[in-house]
Amino acid sequence: MRRLGLVLGTVVALAVVILTVWIISRPERGSTGSVNTKFRLLGPDDKIVVDGFDDPKVEGVACHISRAQTGA
């Protein structure tokens, strides 16, 4: 019973650490999403990526740009 509590506590602590690192490492804006366009068995896939940027001159407005990203 004591071992189960130790394992469960370790898993919860690890999940909190991973979530914290993920939240801190996220950019303010950046990649909004992506769609795979070509599957590659070895290496990363080709995709279309949509990036979002806040407009520095107009508050509350964001600009979105789509671009192709090769997996090479």
C-alpha atoms as a PDB file:
ATOM      1  CA  MET A   1       0.000   0.000   0.000  1.00  0.00           C
ATOM      2  CA  ARG A   2       2.814   2.355   0.864  1.00  0.00           C
ATOM      3  CA  ARG A   3       4.579   1.592  -2.427  1.00  0.00           C
ATOM      4  CA  LEU A   4       1.430   2.419  -4.423  1.00  0.00           C
ATOM      5  CA  GLY A   5       1.239   5.837  -2.727  1.00  0.00           C
ATOM      6  CA  LEU A   6       4.897   6.492  -3.529  1.00  0.00           C
ATOM      7  CA  VAL A   7       4.438   5.564  -7.193  1.00  0.00           C
ATOM      8  CA  LEU A   8       1.257   7.644  -7.490  1.00  0.00           C
ATOM      9  CA  GLY A   9       2.931  10.647  -5.829  1.00  0.00           C
ATOM     10  CA  THR A  10       5.911  10.361  -8.176  1.00  0.00           C
ATOM     11  CA  VAL A  11       3.662  10.231 -11.251  1.00  0.00           C
ATOM     12  CA  VAL A  12       1.690  13.289 -10.116  1.00  0.00           C
ATOM     13  CA  ALA A  13       4.873  15.245  -9.345  1.00  0.00           C
ATOM     14  CA  LEU A  14       6.330  14.338 -12.742  1.00  0.00           C
ATOM     15  CA  ALA A  15       3.121  15.427 -14.503  1.00  0.00           C
ATOM     16  CA  VAL A  16       3.200  18.790 -12.691  1.00  0.00           C
ATOM     17  CA  VAL A  17       6.840  19.354 -13.674  1.00  0.00           C
ATOM     18  CA  ILE A  18       6.183  18.472 -17.331  1.00  0.00           C
ATOM     19  CA  LEU A  19       3.102  20.724 -17.466  1.00  0.00           C
ATOM     20  CA  THR A  20       5.034  23.608 -15.891  1.00  0.00           C
ATOM     21  CA  VAL A  21       7.921  23.276 -18.356  1.00  0.00           C
ATOM     22  CA  TRP A  22       5.462  23.118 -21.270  1.00  0.00           C
ATOM     23  CA  ILE A  23       3.626  26.278 -20.153  1.00  0.00           C
ATOM     24  CA  ILE A  24       6.848  28.232 -19.564  1.00  0.00           C
ATOM     25  CA  SER A  25       8.450  27.180 -22.855  1.00  0.00           C
ATOM     26  CA  ARG A  26       5.465  28.167 -25.049  1.00  0.00           C
ATOM     27  CA  PRO A  27       5.977  31.303 -27.123  1.00  0.00           C
ATOM     28  CA  GLU A  28       3.645  34.271 -26.647  1.00  0.00           C
ATOM     29  CA  ARG A  29       2.240  33.694 -30.107  1.00  0.00           C
ATOM     30  CA  GLY A  30       3.660  31.490 -32.788  1.00  0.00           C
ATOM     31  CA  SER A  31       2.532  28.320 -34.443  1.00  0.00           C
ATOM     32  CA  THR A  32      -1.261  28.208 -34.353  1.00  0.00           C
ATOM     33  CA  GLY A  33      -1.530  24.843 -36.064  1.00  0.00           C
ATOM     34  CA  SER A  34      -0.297  22.608 -38.848  1.00  0.00           C
ATOM     35  CA  VAL A  35      -1.561  20.076 -41.389  1.00  0.00           C
ATOM     36  CA  ASN A  36       0.532  17.202 -42.761  1.00  0.00           C
ATOM     37  CA  THR A  37       0.692  17.191 -46.556  1.00  0.00           C
ATOM     38  CA  LYS A  38       3.217  14.436 -47.286  1.00  0.00           C
ATOM     39  CA  PHE A  39       4.006  11.406 -45.153  1.00  0.00           C
ATOM     40  CA  ARG A  40       7.624  10.293 -44.910  1.00  0.00           C
ATOM     41  CA  LEU A  41       8.499   6.955 -43.368  1.00  0.00           C
ATOM     42  CA  LEU A  42      11.962   8.156 -42.329  1.00  0.00           C
ATOM     43  CA  GLY A  43      12.200  11.718 -41.097  1.00  0.00           C
ATOM     44  CA  PRO A  44       9.687  14.486 -40.433  1.00  0.00           C
ATOM     45  CA  ASP A  45       6.620  14.977 -42.653  1.00  0.00           C
ATOM     46  CA  ASP A  46       6.015  17.927 -44.980  1.00  0.00           C
ATOM     47  CA  LYS A  47       3.309  20.228 -43.645  1.00  0.00           C
ATOM     48  CA  ILE A  48       1.550  23.559 -43.929  1.00  0.00           C
ATOM     49  CA  VAL A  49       2.045  25.636 -40.781  1.00  0.00           C
ATOM     50  CA  VAL A  50      -0.095  28.591 -39.666  1.00  0.00           C
ATOM     51  CA  ASP A  51       1.684  31.180 -37.502  1.00  0.00           C
ATOM     52  CA  GLY A  52      -0.029  33.983 -35.574  1.00  0.00           C
ATOM     53  CA  PHE A  53       1.481  37.303 -34.533  1.00  0.00           C
ATOM     54  CA  ASP A  54       0.016  40.131 -32.460  1.00  0.00           C
ATOM     55  CA  ASP A  55      -0.099  43.453 -34.315  1.00  0.00           C
ATOM     56  CA  PRO A  56       2.207  45.853 -32.437  1.00  0.00           C
ATOM     57  CA  LYS A  57       0.284  48.981 -33.572  1.00  0.00           C
ATOM     58  CA  VAL A  58      -3.340  47.824 -33.182  1.00  0.00           C
ATOM     59  CA  GLU A  59      -4.354  46.311 -29.861  1.00  0.00           C
ATOM     60  CA  GLY A  60      -6.427  43.122 -30.034  1.00  0.00           C
ATOM     61  CA  VAL A  61      -5.566  42.344 -33.673  1.00  0.00           C
ATOM     62  CA  ALA A  62      -3.565  39.309 -34.773  1.00  0.00           C
ATOM     63  CA  CYS A  63      -2.027  38.536 -38.150  1.00  0.00           C
ATOM     64  CA  HIS A  64      -1.927  34.935 -39.419  1.00  0.00           C
ATOM     65  CA  ILE A  65       0.471  33.638 -42.059  1.00  0.00           C
ATOM     66  CA  SER A  66       0.474  30.173 -43.615  1.00  0.00           C
ATOM     67  CA  ARG A  67       3.676  28.645 -44.976  1.00  0.00           C
ATOM     68  CA  ALA A  68       4.980  25.364 -46.309  1.00  0.00           C
ATOM     69  CA  GLN A  69       7.507  23.515 -44.166  1.00  0.00           C
ATOM     70  CA  THR A  70       9.468  20.641 -45.640  1.00  0.00           C
ATOM     71  CA  GLY A  71      10.506  17.816 -43.392  1.00  0.00           C
ATOM     72  CA  ALA A  72      14.083  17.728 -44.640  1.00  0.00           C
END
